[in-house]
Amino acid sequence: MGATCIILAGGKSSRMGTNKALLKIEGITVIERMINELTKIVKHVLVVTNQFDDYSFINVPLVEDHYKGKGPLAGIQAGLNAVKTEKNMIVACDLPFVSSRLAKELLVELDKYDAVVPEINGQLHPLFGAYHKDCLQVVNRLLDSEQLKIRQLLNQVHVKIKTSEDFAKFSASYMNIALYNMNNRQEYEEAVKLVKDHVTKT
């Protein structure tokens, strides 16, 4: 697919106490797991980070935030500004079991929408969403006016919110694992346990 995956890895990981993307599961860093999975459907991967040295071992382009200290919206801006593709998947770096199948379901709908984001069990997942490059103009405007919530972006573009009903072909357990994010040490240990128990196998 002619699309780019933008992995946001610019957070401070304060609750985890260490860089979440560099934690290992089955001997592989989380960010490498993500790249390996997402390159099944996209030709290009880009990592947004402000610590280039930490990611020198991965063979993908790195870009830094233009708007420093402005949170995930600044990461989205840096990614969309750098890519050449119209269709883009934006993914936070704390999703160790990210699903290329699920990502493809979102990307294909960018022919009709500016953004496509899942909402499962009432929880919106804007950092596992598909975004057209045209969103960049709105993102720039929001950042310039200090409106930093991603919900504000979604309110100003043509967005498709996909609910559990839209993902009926995926089991509830598959969805829960694919969107599992880890923010602290306990959630990381749970992720390791999930792999050992083969829950992630479908």
Protein backbone atom coordinates (compact mmCIF):
# COMPACT_ATOMS: atom_id res chain seq x y z
CA MET A 1 0.00 0.00 0.00
CA GLY A 2 1.29 3.48 -0.86
CA ALA A 3 1.14 4.75 2.70
CA THR A 4 3.47 5.68 5.54
CA CYS A 5 3.33 4.60 9.15
CA ILE A 6 4.32 7.40 11.53
CA ILE A 7 5.36 6.08 14.93
CA LEU A 8 5.23 8.67 17.69
CA ALA A 9 8.12 8.08 20.08
CA GLY A 10 8.65 11.53 21.48
CA GLY A 11 7.05 11.06 24.90
CA LYS A 12 8.97 11.15 28.16
CA SER A 13 7.68 7.74 29.39
CA SER A 14 7.51 9.23 32.88
CA ARG A 15 5.10 6.62 34.24
CA MET A 16 7.17 3.76 32.85
CA GLY A 17 10.44 5.18 34.12
CA THR A 18 12.26 4.20 30.93
CA ASN A 19 11.73 4.50 27.18
CA LYS A 20 8.68 2.33 26.39
CA ALA A 21 9.64 1.82 22.76
CA LEU A 22 12.98 0.27 23.73
CA LEU A 23 11.61 -2.30 26.16
CA LYS A 24 11.97 -5.86 24.89
CA ILE A 25 9.33 -8.54 24.47
CA GLU A 26 10.68 -11.96 23.49
CA GLY A 27 14.08 -10.34 22.88
CA ILE A 28 12.78 -7.74 20.42
CA THR A 29 12.24 -4.07 21.22
CA VAL A 30 8.68 -2.82 21.06
CA ILE A 31 9.48 -0.41 18.25
CA GLU A 32 11.06 -3.19 16.17
CA ARG A 33 7.98 -5.35 16.72
CA MET A 34 5.83 -2.49 15.50
CA ILE A 35 7.94 -1.84 12.42
CA ASN A 36 8.01 -5.53 11.52
CA GLU A 37 4.23 -5.72 11.76
CA LEU A 38 3.32 -2.49 10.01
CA THR A 39 5.66 -2.97 7.07
CA LYS A 40 3.42 -5.86 6.07
CA ILE A 41 1.05 -3.24 4.65
CA VAL A 42 3.01 0.01 4.20
CA LYS A 43 6.14 0.80 2.21
CA HIS A 44 7.43 3.52 4.49
CA VAL A 45 7.90 3.93 8.24
CA LEU A 46 8.91 7.16 9.96
CA VAL A 47 9.68 7.64 13.65
CA VAL A 48 9.08 10.97 15.37
CA THR A 49 11.48 11.33 18.29
CA ASN A 50 13.58 13.95 20.03
CA GLN A 51 16.23 11.38 21.00
CA PHE A 52 17.85 10.34 17.73
CA ASP A 53 20.68 8.45 19.43
CA ASP A 54 18.21 6.06 21.09
CA TYR A 55 16.98 4.88 17.69
CA SER A 56 20.21 4.67 15.73
CA PHE A 57 19.79 0.88 15.52
CA ILE A 58 16.59 1.00 13.44
CA ASN A 59 16.89 1.53 9.71
CA VAL A 60 14.05 4.03 9.25
CA PRO A 61 14.00 7.82 8.92
CA LEU A 62 13.80 9.87 12.13
CA VAL A 63 12.33 13.35 12.50
CA GLU A 64 11.97 15.59 15.54
CA ASP A 65 9.17 17.81 16.77
CA HIS A 66 9.04 21.29 15.30
CA TYR A 67 6.80 22.40 18.16
CA LYS A 68 8.68 21.39 21.30
CA GLY A 69 6.80 20.34 24.42
CA LYS A 70 3.40 20.35 22.72
CA GLY A 71 2.54 16.67 23.16
CA PRO A 72 1.24 14.14 20.62
CA LEU A 73 -0.27 16.76 18.33
CA ALA A 74 3.24 18.09 17.73
CA GLY A 75 4.34 14.57 16.84
CA ILE A 76 1.51 14.30 14.35
CA GLN A 77 2.58 17.63 12.86
CA ALA A 78 6.20 16.56 12.50
CA GLY A 79 5.21 13.27 10.89
CA LEU A 80 2.67 14.66 8.45
CA ASN A 81 5.04 17.47 7.53
CA ALA A 82 7.81 14.98 6.67
CA VAL A 83 5.90 12.35 4.72
CA LYS A 84 5.30 12.37 0.98
CA THR A 85 2.33 10.01 1.04
CA GLU A 86 -1.27 11.17 1.26
CA LYS A 87 -2.38 8.20 3.37
CA ASN A 88 -0.69 7.78 6.72
CA MET A 89 -1.10 5.61 9.79
CA ILE A 90 -0.21 7.33 13.05
CA VAL A 91 0.63 5.00 15.91
CA ALA A 92 1.89 5.63 19.46
CA CYS A 93 5.02 3.71 20.41
CA ASP A 94 3.35 1.97 23.37
CA LEU A 95 1.25 -0.48 21.31
CA PRO A 96 3.37 -3.66 21.37
CA PHE A 97 0.77 -5.79 19.59
CA VAL A 98 -0.17 -3.33 16.87
CA SER A 99 -2.13 -5.03 14.07
CA SER A 100 -1.40 -4.47 10.39
CA ARG A 101 -4.79 -6.00 9.54
CA LEU A 102 -6.54 -3.43 11.70
CA ALA A 103 -4.41 -0.61 10.32
CA LYS A 104 -5.34 -1.58 6.78
CA GLU A 105 -9.04 -1.37 7.69
CA LEU A 106 -8.48 2.28 8.62
CA LEU A 107 -6.19 3.30 5.78
CA VAL A 108 -8.50 2.14 3.00
CA GLU A 109 -11.17 4.59 4.16
CA LEU A 110 -8.96 7.64 3.66
CA ASP A 111 -10.33 7.79 0.12
CA LYS A 112 -13.50 9.20 1.71
CA TYR A 113 -12.32 10.80 4.95
CA ASP A 114 -9.56 13.00 6.33
CA ALA A 115 -9.12 10.77 9.36
CA VAL A 116 -10.32 7.34 10.45
CA VAL A 117 -10.12 6.45 14.14
CA PRO A 118 -11.39 3.45 16.13
CA GLU A 119 -13.59 3.82 19.18
CA ILE A 120 -13.92 0.55 21.07
CA ASN A 121 -16.04 0.13 24.20
CA GLY A 122 -16.44 3.88 24.38
CA GLN A 123 -12.69 4.56 24.24
CA LEU A 124 -11.34 6.60 21.35
CA HIS A 125 -7.92 5.61 19.97
CA PRO A 126 -6.65 8.65 18.03
CA LEU A 127 -3.05 7.44 18.31
CA PHE A 128 -3.90 4.35 16.32
CA GLY A 129 -5.54 6.20 13.49
CA ALA A 130 -5.31 6.90 9.78
CA TYR A 131 -4.75 10.52 8.77
CA HIS A 132 -4.62 12.14 5.35
CA LYS A 133 -1.72 14.53 4.79
CA ASP A 134 -4.28 17.27 4.22
CA CYS A 135 -4.85 17.28 7.99
CA LEU A 136 -1.53 19.07 8.34
CA GLN A 137 -3.03 22.51 7.71
CA VAL A 138 -5.50 22.06 10.56
CA VAL A 139 -2.80 20.65 12.84
CA ASN A 140 -0.55 23.65 12.20
CA ARG A 141 -3.37 26.05 12.96
CA LEU A 142 -4.23 24.28 16.20
CA LEU A 143 -0.63 24.27 17.39
CA ASP A 144 -0.18 27.94 16.56
CA SER A 145 -3.25 28.74 18.69
CA GLU A 146 -2.15 26.43 21.54
CA GLN A 147 -5.09 24.05 21.03
CA LEU A 148 -3.24 20.82 21.72
CA LYS A 149 -5.95 18.19 22.14
CA ILE A 150 -6.25 15.66 19.33
CA ARG A 151 -10.01 15.72 19.84
CA GLN A 152 -9.92 19.32 18.60
CA LEU A 153 -8.27 18.11 15.41
CA LEU A 154 -10.93 15.45 14.91
CA ASN A 155 -13.63 18.08 15.43
CA GLN A 156 -12.27 20.12 12.52
CA VAL A 157 -11.71 17.46 9.85
CA HIS A 158 -13.97 14.99 8.07
CA VAL A 159 -13.52 12.03 10.38
CA LYS A 160 -14.90 8.51 10.42
CA ILE A 161 -15.18 6.98 13.89
CA LYS A 162 -15.22 3.20 13.54
CA THR A 163 -16.91 1.34 16.39
CA SER A 164 -16.89 -2.32 17.41
CA GLU A 165 -19.72 -2.97 14.94
CA ASP A 166 -17.45 -1.86 12.10
CA PHE A 167 -14.87 -4.42 13.18
CA ALA A 168 -17.30 -7.32 13.47
CA LYS A 169 -14.95 -9.68 11.64
CA PHE A 170 -12.40 -9.30 14.43
CA SER A 171 -13.01 -10.96 17.78
CA ALA A 172 -13.28 -8.83 20.90
CA SER A 173 -10.11 -10.40 22.28
CA TYR A 174 -8.23 -9.60 19.07
CA MET A 175 -9.30 -5.96 19.27
CA ASN A 176 -8.33 -5.70 22.92
CA ILE A 177 -4.85 -7.06 22.25
CA ALA A 178 -4.29 -5.04 19.06
CA LEU A 179 -5.09 -1.82 20.93
CA TYR A 180 -3.34 -2.78 24.16
CA ASN A 181 -1.12 0.06 25.30
CA MET A 182 1.38 0.02 28.13
CA ASN A 183 2.10 3.09 30.20
CA ASN A 184 3.70 1.66 33.33
CA ARG A 185 5.81 -1.24 34.50
CA GLN A 186 2.81 -3.36 35.46
CA GLU A 187 1.29 -3.04 32.00
CA TYR A 188 4.64 -3.94 30.44
CA GLU A 189 4.86 -7.07 32.58
CA GLU A 190 1.31 -7.93 31.52
CA ALA A 191 2.34 -7.55 27.87
CA VAL A 192 5.20 -9.99 28.39
CA LYS A 193 2.79 -12.42 30.03
CA LEU A 194 0.34 -12.10 27.14
CA VAL A 195 3.02 -13.26 24.71
CA LYS A 196 4.05 -16.16 26.93
CA ASP A 197 0.42 -17.27 27.22
CA HIS A 198 0.05 -17.03 23.41
CA VAL A 199 -2.95 -14.77 23.77
CA THR A 200 -1.70 -12.65 20.89
CA LYS A 201 -1.84 -15.54 18.44
CA THR A 202 -4.88 -15.45 16.15
